[in-house]
């Protein structure tokens, strides 16, 4: 009898990762291609937000707000965007 090691493959996606990945990609697509549907104050910053979302793995409101402000988004707009990003992506 041959006893083999149990290995986990990095290519096998866990269900949570699949859902968060789909939601993340959907949110990025909405920011990039649905800018005319966004609130007016968000429109000039939508591409910056999409770029940041693609890079992040940790979706916490404070982190998102700080990241958006670092690329020039005003606090009130960054805070509003961060709230809705967390709502849709889930933290």
PDB file of N, CA and C in Angstrom:
ATOM      1  N   UNK A   1       0.844  -1.165   0.000  1.00  0.00           N
ATOM      2  CA  UNK A   1       0.000   0.000   0.000  1.00  0.00           C
ATOM      3  C   UNK A   1       0.901   1.243   0.000  1.00  0.00           C
ATOM      4  N   UNK A   2       0.608   2.134  -0.886  1.00  0.00           N
ATOM      5  CA  UNK A   2       1.390   3.358  -0.991  1.00  0.00           C
ATOM      6  C   UNK A   2       0.644   4.476  -0.282  1.00  0.00           C
ATOM      7  N   UNK A   3       1.346   5.105   0.610  1.00  0.00           N
ATOM      8  CA  UNK A   3       0.750   6.214   1.336  1.00  0.00           C
ATOM      9  C   UNK A   3       1.339   7.499   0.769  1.00  0.00           C
ATOM     10  N   UNK A   4       0.488   8.303   0.188  1.00  0.00           N
ATOM     11  CA  UNK A   4       0.968   9.550  -0.413  1.00  0.00           C
ATOM     12  C   UNK A   4       0.632  10.745   0.456  1.00  0.00           C
ATOM     13  N   UNK A   5       1.306  11.803   0.192  1.00  0.00           N
ATOM     14  CA  UNK A   5       1.023  13.035   0.926  1.00  0.00           C
ATOM     15  C   UNK A   5      -0.230  13.689   0.366  1.00  0.00           C
ATOM     16  N   UNK A   6      -0.956  14.302   1.242  1.00  0.00           N
ATOM     17  CA  UNK A   6      -2.095  15.085   0.785  1.00  0.00           C
ATOM     18  C   UNK A   6      -1.585  16.485   0.503  1.00  0.00           C
ATOM     19  N   UNK A   7      -1.798  16.929  -0.670  1.00  0.00           N
ATOM     20  CA  UNK A   7      -1.324  18.274  -0.995  1.00  0.00           C
ATOM     21  C   UNK A   7      -2.495  19.127  -1.439  1.00  0.00           C
ATOM     22  N   UNK A   8      -2.392  20.358  -1.135  1.00  0.00           N
ATOM     23  CA  UNK A   8      -3.411  21.287  -1.592  1.00  0.00           C
ATOM     24  C   UNK A   8      -2.826  22.054  -2.759  1.00  0.00           C
ATOM     25  N   UNK A   9      -3.563  22.107  -3.791  1.00  0.00           N
ATOM     26  CA  UNK A   9      -3.084  22.792  -4.989  1.00  0.00           C
ATOM     27  C   UNK A   9      -3.433  24.266  -4.906  1.00  0.00           C
ATOM     28  N   UNK A  10      -2.511  25.100  -5.287  1.00  0.00           N
ATOM     29  CA  UNK A  10      -2.752  26.541  -5.271  1.00  0.00           C
ATOM     30  C   UNK A  10      -3.752  26.946  -6.341  1.00  0.00           C
ATOM     31  N   UNK A  11      -3.955  26.080  -7.339  1.00  0.00           N
ATOM     32  CA  UNK A  11      -4.867  26.427  -8.422  1.00  0.00           C
ATOM     33  C   UNK A  11      -6.327  26.131  -8.069  1.00  0.00           C
ATOM     34  N   UNK A  12      -6.563  25.427  -6.978  1.00  0.00           N
ATOM     35  CA  UNK A  12      -7.924  25.136  -6.563  1.00  0.00           C
ATOM     36  C   UNK A  12      -8.445  26.314  -5.756  1.00  0.00           C
ATOM     37  N   UNK A  13      -9.470  26.962  -6.271  1.00  0.00           N
ATOM     38  CA  UNK A  13     -10.019  28.144  -5.607  1.00  0.00           C
ATOM     39  C   UNK A  13     -11.013  27.733  -4.535  1.00  0.00           C
ATOM     40  N   UNK A  14     -10.932  28.392  -3.418  1.00  0.00           N
ATOM     41  CA  UNK A  14     -11.897  28.183  -2.357  1.00  0.00           C
ATOM     42  C   UNK A  14     -13.147  28.985  -2.691  1.00  0.00           C
ATOM     43  N   UNK A  15     -14.339  28.534  -2.269  1.00  0.00           N
ATOM     44  CA  UNK A  15     -15.572  29.239  -2.614  1.00  0.00           C
ATOM     45  C   UNK A  15     -15.562  30.718  -2.225  1.00  0.00           C
ATOM     46  N   UNK A  16     -15.028  31.054  -1.039  1.00  0.00           N
ATOM     47  CA  UNK A  16     -14.998  32.459  -0.618  1.00  0.00           C
ATOM     48  C   UNK A  16     -14.141  33.280  -1.577  1.00  0.00           C
ATOM     49  N   UNK A  17     -13.003  32.709  -1.989  1.00  0.00           N
ATOM     50  CA  UNK A  17     -12.125  33.427  -2.903  1.00  0.00           C
ATOM     51  C   UNK A  17     -12.788  33.669  -4.242  1.00  0.00           C
ATOM     52  N   UNK A  18     -13.552  32.712  -4.714  1.00  0.00           N
ATOM     53  CA  UNK A  18     -14.239  32.863  -5.987  1.00  0.00           C
ATOM     54  C   UNK A  18     -15.271  33.977  -5.891  1.00  0.00           C
ATOM     55  N   UNK A  19     -16.067  33.963  -4.837  1.00  0.00           N
ATOM     56  CA  UNK A  19     -17.101  34.989  -4.668  1.00  0.00           C
ATOM     57  C   UNK A  19     -16.477  36.360  -4.515  1.00  0.00           C
ATOM     58  N   UNK A  20     -15.461  36.481  -3.666  1.00  0.00           N
ATOM     59  CA  UNK A  20     -14.850  37.795  -3.469  1.00  0.00           C
ATOM     60  C   UNK A  20     -14.166  38.269  -4.743  1.00  0.00           C
ATOM     61  N   UNK A  21     -13.603  37.356  -5.515  1.00  0.00           N
ATOM     62  CA  UNK A  21     -12.956  37.721  -6.767  1.00  0.00           C
ATOM     63  C   UNK A  21     -13.986  38.219  -7.784  1.00  0.00           C
ATOM     64  N   UNK A  22     -15.104  37.543  -7.879  1.00  0.00           N
ATOM     65  CA  UNK A  22     -16.161  37.956  -8.808  1.00  0.00           C
ATOM     66  C   UNK A  22     -16.719  39.313  -8.407  1.00  0.00           C
ATOM     67  N   UNK A  23     -16.958  39.503  -7.128  1.00  0.00           N
ATOM     68  CA  UNK A  23     -17.490  40.776  -6.645  1.00  0.00           C
ATOM     69  C   UNK A  23     -16.485  41.894  -6.884  1.00  0.00           C
ATOM     70  N   UNK A  24     -15.221  41.613  -6.615  1.00  0.00           N
ATOM     71  CA  UNK A  24     -14.166  42.600  -6.804  1.00  0.00           C
ATOM     72  C   UNK A  24     -14.082  43.010  -8.279  1.00  0.00           C
ATOM     73  N   UNK A  25     -14.099  42.037  -9.184  1.00  0.00           N
ATOM     74  CA  UNK A  25     -14.044  42.331 -10.610  1.00  0.00           C
ATOM     75  C   UNK A  25     -15.287  43.076 -11.078  1.00  0.00           C
ATOM     76  N   UNK A  26     -16.434  42.739 -10.519  1.00  0.00           N
ATOM     77  CA  UNK A  26     -17.675  43.427 -10.873  1.00  0.00           C
ATOM     78  C   UNK A  26     -17.645  44.883 -10.426  1.00  0.00           C
ATOM     79  N   UNK A  27     -17.127  45.103  -9.235  1.00  0.00           N
ATOM     80  CA  UNK A  27     -17.029  46.461  -8.713  1.00  0.00           C
ATOM     81  C   UNK A  27     -16.067  47.299  -9.548  1.00  0.00           C
ATOM     82  N   UNK A  28     -14.947  46.722  -9.930  1.00  0.00           N
ATOM     83  CA  UNK A  28     -13.980  47.431 -10.775  1.00  0.00           C
ATOM     84  C   UNK A  28     -14.618  47.762 -12.126  1.00  0.00           C
ATOM     85  N   UNK A  29     -15.332  46.814 -12.705  1.00  0.00           N
ATOM     86  CA  UNK A  29     -15.995  47.052 -13.991  1.00  0.00           C
ATOM     87  C   UNK A  29     -17.050  48.149 -13.863  1.00  0.00           C
ATOM     88  N   UNK A  30     -17.797  48.142 -12.769  1.00  0.00           N
ATOM     89  CA  UNK A  30     -18.813  49.178 -12.559  1.00  0.00           C
ATOM     90  C   UNK A  30     -18.177  50.556 -12.444  1.00  0.00           C
ATOM     91  N   UNK A  31     -17.055  50.639 -11.750  1.00  0.00           N
ATOM     92  CA  UNK A  31     -16.374  51.929 -11.611  1.00  0.00           C
ATOM     93  C   UNK A  31     -15.780  52.401 -12.934  1.00  0.00           C
ATOM     94  N   UNK A  32     -15.264  51.477 -13.716  1.00  0.00           N
ATOM     95  CA  UNK A  32     -14.614  51.851 -14.983  1.00  0.00           C
ATOM     96  C   UNK A  32     -15.618  52.163 -16.091  1.00  0.00           C
ATOM     97  N   UNK A  33     -16.644  51.325 -16.223  1.00  0.00           N
ATOM     98  CA  UNK A  33     -17.541  51.435 -17.374  1.00  0.00           C
ATOM     99  C   UNK A  33     -18.902  52.027 -17.044  1.00  0.00           C
ATOM    100  N   UNK A  34     -19.198  52.215 -15.786  1.00  0.00           N
ATOM    101  CA  UNK A  34     -20.498  52.759 -15.400  1.00  0.00           C
ATOM    102  C   UNK A  34     -20.392  54.127 -14.764  1.00  0.00           C
ATOM    103  N   UNK A  35     -19.383  54.882 -15.155  1.00  0.00           N
ATOM    104  CA  UNK A  35     -19.140  56.175 -14.512  1.00  0.00           C
ATOM    105  C   UNK A  35     -20.315  57.131 -14.643  1.00  0.00           C
ATOM    106  N   UNK A  36     -21.054  57.047 -15.740  1.00  0.00           N
ATOM    107  CA  UNK A  36     -22.195  57.949 -15.904  1.00  0.00           C
ATOM    108  C   UNK A  36     -23.327  57.626 -14.934  1.00  0.00           C
ATOM    109  N   UNK A  37     -23.290  56.450 -14.318  1.00  0.00           N
ATOM    110  CA  UNK A  37     -24.320  56.048 -13.337  1.00  0.00           C
ATOM    111  C   UNK A  37     -23.906  56.357 -11.895  1.00  0.00           C
ATOM    112  N   UNK A  38     -22.661  56.740 -11.687  1.00  0.00           N
ATOM    113  CA  UNK A  38     -22.155  57.031 -10.346  1.00  0.00           C
ATOM    114  C   UNK A  38     -22.555  58.437  -9.906  1.00  0.00           C
ATOM    115  N   UNK A  39     -22.552  58.696  -8.589  1.00  0.00           N
ATOM    116  CA  UNK A  39     -22.776  60.067  -8.126  1.00  0.00           C
ATOM    117  C   UNK A  39     -21.734  61.012  -8.745  1.00  0.00           C
ATOM    118  N   UNK A  40     -22.146  62.234  -9.021  1.00  0.00           N
ATOM    119  CA  UNK A  40     -21.260  63.189  -9.705  1.00  0.00           C
ATOM    120  C   UNK A  40     -19.933  63.385  -8.991  1.00  0.00           C
ATOM    121  N   UNK A  41     -19.950  63.388  -7.661  1.00  0.00           N
ATOM    122  CA  UNK A  41     -18.709  63.622  -6.923  1.00  0.00           C
ATOM    123  C   UNK A  41     -17.732  62.440  -7.047  1.00  0.00           C
ATOM    124  N   UNK A  42     -18.227  61.262  -7.414  1.00  0.00           N
ATOM    125  CA  UNK A  42     -17.383  60.079  -7.555  1.00  0.00           C
ATOM    126  C   UNK A  42     -16.743  59.976  -8.933  1.00  0.00           C
ATOM    127  N   UNK A  43     -17.386  60.516  -9.942  1.00  0.00           N
ATOM    128  CA  UNK A  43     -16.973  60.306 -11.333  1.00  0.00           C
ATOM    129  C   UNK A  43     -15.512  60.648 -11.618  1.00  0.00           C
ATOM    130  N   UNK A  44     -14.991  61.793 -11.139  1.00  0.00           N
ATOM    131  CA  UNK A  44     -13.600  62.092 -11.459  1.00  0.00           C
ATOM    132  C   UNK A  44     -12.596  61.137 -10.798  1.00  0.00           C
ATOM    133  N   UNK A  45     -13.036  60.404  -9.809  1.00  0.00           N
ATOM    134  CA  UNK A  45     -12.140  59.551  -9.030  1.00  0.00           C
ATOM    135  C   UNK A  45     -12.381  58.061  -9.261  1.00  0.00           C
ATOM    136  N   UNK A  46     -13.291  57.717 -10.147  1.00  0.00           N
ATOM    137  CA  UNK A  46     -13.677  56.315 -10.336  1.00  0.00           C
ATOM    138  C   UNK A  46     -12.520  55.443 -10.822  1.00  0.00           C
ATOM    139  N   UNK A  47     -11.724  55.938 -11.752  1.00  0.00           N
ATOM    140  CA  UNK A  47     -10.603  55.128 -12.256  1.00  0.00           C
ATOM    141  C   UNK A  47      -9.545  54.917 -11.183  1.00  0.00           C
ATOM    142  N   UNK A  48      -9.292  55.945 -10.387  1.00  0.00           N
ATOM    143  CA  UNK A  48      -8.327  55.793  -9.287  1.00  0.00           C
ATOM    144  C   UNK A  48      -8.805  54.734  -8.300  1.00  0.00           C
ATOM    145  N   UNK A  49     -10.096  54.788  -7.979  1.00  0.00           N
ATOM    146  CA  UNK A  49     -10.672  53.817  -7.046  1.00  0.00           C
ATOM    147  C   UNK A  49     -10.591  52.408  -7.622  1.00  0.00           C
ATOM    148  N   UNK A  50     -10.881  52.255  -8.903  1.00  0.00           N
ATOM    149  CA  UNK A  50     -10.815  50.938  -9.542  1.00  0.00           C
ATOM    150  C   UNK A  50      -9.386  50.385  -9.512  1.00  0.00           C
ATOM    151  N   UNK A  51      -8.405  51.250  -9.772  1.00  0.00           N
ATOM    152  CA  UNK A  51      -7.006  50.819  -9.717  1.00  0.00           C
ATOM    153  C   UNK A  51      -6.640  50.306  -8.327  1.00  0.00           C
ATOM    154  N   UNK A  52      -7.067  51.033  -7.297  1.00  0.00           N
ATOM    155  CA  UNK A  52      -6.754  50.624  -5.929  1.00  0.00           C
ATOM    156  C   UNK A  52      -7.453  49.320  -5.545  1.00  0.00           C
ATOM    157  N   UNK A  53      -8.699  49.183  -5.942  1.00  0.00           N
ATOM    158  CA  UNK A  53      -9.464  47.976  -5.600  1.00  0.00           C
ATOM    159  C   UNK A  53      -8.811  46.740  -6.197  1.00  0.00           C
ATOM    160  N   UNK A  54      -8.264  46.877  -7.403  1.00  0.00           N
ATOM    161  CA  UNK A  54      -7.591  45.743  -8.037  1.00  0.00           C
ATOM    162  C   UNK A  54      -6.367  45.298  -7.239  1.00  0.00           C
ATOM    163  N   UNK A  55      -5.750  46.203  -6.513  1.00  0.00           N
ATOM    164  CA  UNK A  55      -4.537  45.894  -5.768  1.00  0.00           C
ATOM    165  C   UNK A  55      -4.805  45.388  -4.355  1.00  0.00           C
ATOM    166  N   UNK A  56      -5.941  45.711  -3.776  1.00  0.00           N
ATOM    167  CA  UNK A  56      -6.206  45.398  -2.370  1.00  0.00           C
ATOM    168  C   UNK A  56      -6.696  43.988  -2.149  1.00  0.00           C
ATOM    169  N   UNK A  57      -6.293  43.437  -1.007  1.00  0.00           N
ATOM    170  CA  UNK A  57      -6.823  42.164  -0.549  1.00  0.00           C
ATOM    171  C   UNK A  57      -7.646  42.353   0.716  1.00  0.00           C
ATOM    172  N   UNK A  58      -7.404  43.451   1.417  1.00  0.00           N
ATOM    173  CA  UNK A  58      -8.053  43.722   2.700  1.00  0.00           C
ATOM    174  C   UNK A  58      -9.066  44.848   2.510  1.00  0.00           C
ATOM    175  N   UNK A  59     -10.333  44.523   2.656  1.00  0.00           N
ATOM    176  CA  UNK A  59     -11.373  45.517   2.435  1.00  0.00           C
ATOM    177  C   UNK A  59     -11.948  46.005   3.752  1.00  0.00           C
ATOM    178  N   UNK A  60     -11.283  46.984   4.344  1.00  0.00           N
ATOM    179  CA  UNK A  60     -11.767  47.640   5.542  1.00  0.00           C
ATOM    180  C   UNK A  60     -11.950  49.112   5.212  1.00  0.00           C
ATOM    181  N   UNK A  61     -12.988  49.675   5.749  1.00  0.00           N
ATOM    182  CA  UNK A  61     -13.368  51.043   5.391  1.00  0.00           C
ATOM    183  C   UNK A  61     -12.247  52.058   5.617  1.00  0.00           C
ATOM    184  N   UNK A  62     -11.575  51.978   6.748  1.00  0.00           N
ATOM    185  CA  UNK A  62     -10.500  52.931   7.045  1.00  0.00           C
ATOM    186  C   UNK A  62      -9.342  52.828   6.066  1.00  0.00           C
ATOM    187  N   UNK A  63      -8.975  51.601   5.724  1.00  0.00           N
ATOM    188  CA  UNK A  63      -7.886  51.371   4.776  1.00  0.00           C
ATOM    189  C   UNK A  63      -8.244  51.909   3.400  1.00  0.00           C
ATOM    190  N   UNK A  64      -9.453  51.667   2.971  1.00  0.00           N
ATOM    191  CA  UNK A  64      -9.902  52.129   1.658  1.00  0.00           C
ATOM    192  C   UNK A  64      -9.953  53.648   1.624  1.00  0.00           C
ATOM    193  N   UNK A  65     -10.497  54.264   2.676  1.00  0.00           N
ATOM    194  CA  UNK A  65     -10.569  55.723   2.745  1.00  0.00           C
ATOM    195  C   UNK A  65      -9.166  56.321   2.665  1.00  0.00           C
ATOM    196  N   UNK A  66      -8.239  55.780   3.439  1.00  0.00           N
ATOM    197  CA  UNK A  66      -6.864  56.288   3.437  1.00  0.00           C
ATOM    198  C   UNK A  66      -6.203  56.123   2.072  1.00  0.00           C
ATOM    199  N   UNK A  67      -6.425  54.987   1.435  1.00  0.00           N
ATOM    200  CA  UNK A  67      -5.851  54.743   0.116  1.00  0.00           C
ATOM    201  C   UNK A  67      -6.398  55.691  -0.937  1.00  0.00           C
ATOM    202  N   UNK A  68      -7.696  55.925  -0.894  1.00  0.00           N
ATOM    203  CA  UNK A  68      -8.301  56.852  -1.849  1.00  0.00           C
ATOM    204  C   UNK A  68      -7.802  58.276  -1.627  1.00  0.00           C
ATOM    205  N   UNK A  69      -7.672  58.658  -0.368  1.00  0.00           N
ATOM    206  CA  UNK A  69      -7.164  60.006  -0.067  1.00  0.00           C
ATOM    207  C   UNK A  69      -5.706  60.149  -0.515  1.00  0.00           C
ATOM    208  N   UNK A  70      -4.949  59.068  -0.447  1.00  0.00           N
ATOM    209  CA  UNK A  70      -3.542  59.108  -0.860  1.00  0.00           C
ATOM    210  C   UNK A  70      -3.383  59.372  -2.351  1.00  0.00           C
ATOM    211  N   UNK A  71      -4.386  59.017  -3.145  1.00  0.00           N
ATOM    212  CA  UNK A  71      -4.313  59.284  -4.582  1.00  0.00           C
ATOM    213  C   UNK A  71      -5.100  60.531  -4.981  1.00  0.00           C
ATOM    214  N   UNK A  72      -5.500  61.322  -3.983  1.00  0.00           N
ATOM    215  CA  UNK A  72      -6.090  62.624  -4.276  1.00  0.00           C
ATOM    216  C   UNK A  72      -7.596  62.746  -4.195  1.00  0.00           C
ATOM    217  N   UNK A  73      -8.269  61.735  -3.692  1.00  0.00           N
ATOM    218  CA  UNK A  73      -9.720  61.812  -3.544  1.00  0.00           C
ATOM    219  C   UNK A  73     -10.025  62.558  -2.249  1.00  0.00           C
ATOM    220  N   UNK A  74     -10.922  63.564  -2.286  1.00  0.00           N
ATOM    221  CA  UNK A  74     -11.274  64.286  -1.056  1.00  0.00           C
ATOM    222  C   UNK A  74     -11.877  63.351  -0.002  1.00  0.00           C
ATOM    223  N   UNK A  75     -11.712  63.723   1.271  1.00  0.00           N
ATOM    224  CA  UNK A  75     -12.140  62.863   2.374  1.00  0.00           C
ATOM    225  C   UNK A  75     -13.608  62.459   2.284  1.00  0.00           C
ATOM    226  N   UNK A  76     -14.501  63.407   2.061  1.00  0.00           N
ATOM    227  CA  UNK A  76     -15.925  63.074   2.061  1.00  0.00           C
ATOM    228  C   UNK A  76     -16.279  62.096   0.945  1.00  0.00           C
ATOM    229  N   UNK A  77     -15.686  62.280  -0.220  1.00  0.00           N
ATOM    230  CA  UNK A  77     -15.930  61.370  -1.336  1.00  0.00           C
ATOM    231  C   UNK A  77     -15.286  60.009  -1.044  1.00  0.00           C
ATOM    232  N   UNK A  78     -14.048  60.016  -0.544  1.00  0.00           N
ATOM    233  CA  UNK A  78     -13.344  58.768  -0.222  1.00  0.00           C
ATOM    234  C   UNK A  78     -14.100  57.968   0.833  1.00  0.00           C
ATOM    235  N   UNK A  79     -14.607  58.637   1.834  1.00  0.00           N
ATOM    236  CA  UNK A  79     -15.343  57.951   2.901  1.00  0.00           C
ATOM    237  C   UNK A  79     -16.633  57.330   2.367  1.00  0.00           C
ATOM    238  N   UNK A  80     -17.338  58.058   1.527  1.00  0.00           N
ATOM    239  CA  UNK A  80     -18.563  57.521   0.924  1.00  0.00           C
ATOM    240  C   UNK A  80     -18.287  56.338   0.020  1.00  0.00           C
ATOM    241  N   UNK A  81     -17.240  56.461  -0.791  1.00  0.00           N
ATOM    242  CA  UNK A  81     -16.866  55.354  -1.675  1.00  0.00           C
ATOM    243  C   UNK A  81     -16.447  54.136  -0.856  1.00  0.00           C
ATOM    244  N   UNK A  82     -15.668  54.364   0.185  1.00  0.00           N
ATOM    245  CA  UNK A  82     -15.188  53.264   1.031  1.00  0.00           C
ATOM    246  C   UNK A  82     -16.354  52.517   1.671  1.00  0.00           C
ATOM    247  N   UNK A  83     -17.336  53.251   2.133  1.00  0.00           N
ATOM    248  CA  UNK A  83     -18.505  52.618   2.756  1.00  0.00           C
ATOM    249  C   UNK A  83     -19.173  51.649   1.778  1.00  0.00           C
ATOM    250  N   UNK A  84     -19.431  52.114   0.563  1.00  0.00           N
ATOM    251  CA  UNK A  84     -20.133  51.283  -0.404  1.00  0.00           C
ATOM    252  C   UNK A  84     -19.272  50.146  -0.938  1.00  0.00           C
ATOM    253  N   UNK A  85     -17.978  50.359  -1.025  1.00  0.00           N
ATOM    254  CA  UNK A  85     -17.082  49.276  -1.436  1.00  0.00           C
ATOM    255  C   UNK A  85     -17.140  48.144  -0.407  1.00  0.00           C
ATOM    256  N   UNK A  86     -17.113  48.495   0.862  1.00  0.00           N
ATOM    257  CA  UNK A  86     -17.183  47.487   1.930  1.00  0.00           C
ATOM    258  C   UNK A  86     -18.548  46.787   1.903  1.00  0.00           C
ATOM    259  N   UNK A  87     -19.602  47.534   1.647  1.00  0.00           N
ATOM    260  CA  UNK A  87     -20.938  46.931   1.572  1.00  0.00           C
ATOM    261  C   UNK A  87     -20.991  45.878   0.473  1.00  0.00           C
ATOM    262  N   UNK A  88     -20.459  46.218  -0.706  1.00  0.00           N
ATOM    263  CA  UNK A  88     -20.549  45.297  -1.830  1.00  0.00           C
ATOM    264  C   UNK A  88     -19.529  44.165  -1.795  1.00  0.00           C
ATOM    265  N   UNK A  89     -18.315  44.461  -1.396  1.00  0.00           N
ATOM    266  CA  UNK A  89     -17.274  43.430  -1.380  1.00  0.00           C
ATOM    267  C   UNK A  89     -17.342  42.617  -0.110  1.00  0.00           C
ATOM    268  N   UNK A  90     -17.701  43.257   0.978  1.00  0.00           N
ATOM    269  CA  UNK A  90     -17.781  42.552   2.249  1.00  0.00           C
ATOM    270  C   UNK A  90     -16.439  42.493   2.934  1.00  0.00           C
ATOM    271  N   UNK A  91     -16.449  42.821   4.195  1.00  0.00           N
ATOM    272  CA  UNK A  91     -15.185  42.845   4.938  1.00  0.00           C
ATOM    273  C   UNK A  91     -15.174  41.751   5.967  1.00  0.00           C
TER     274      UNK A  91
END
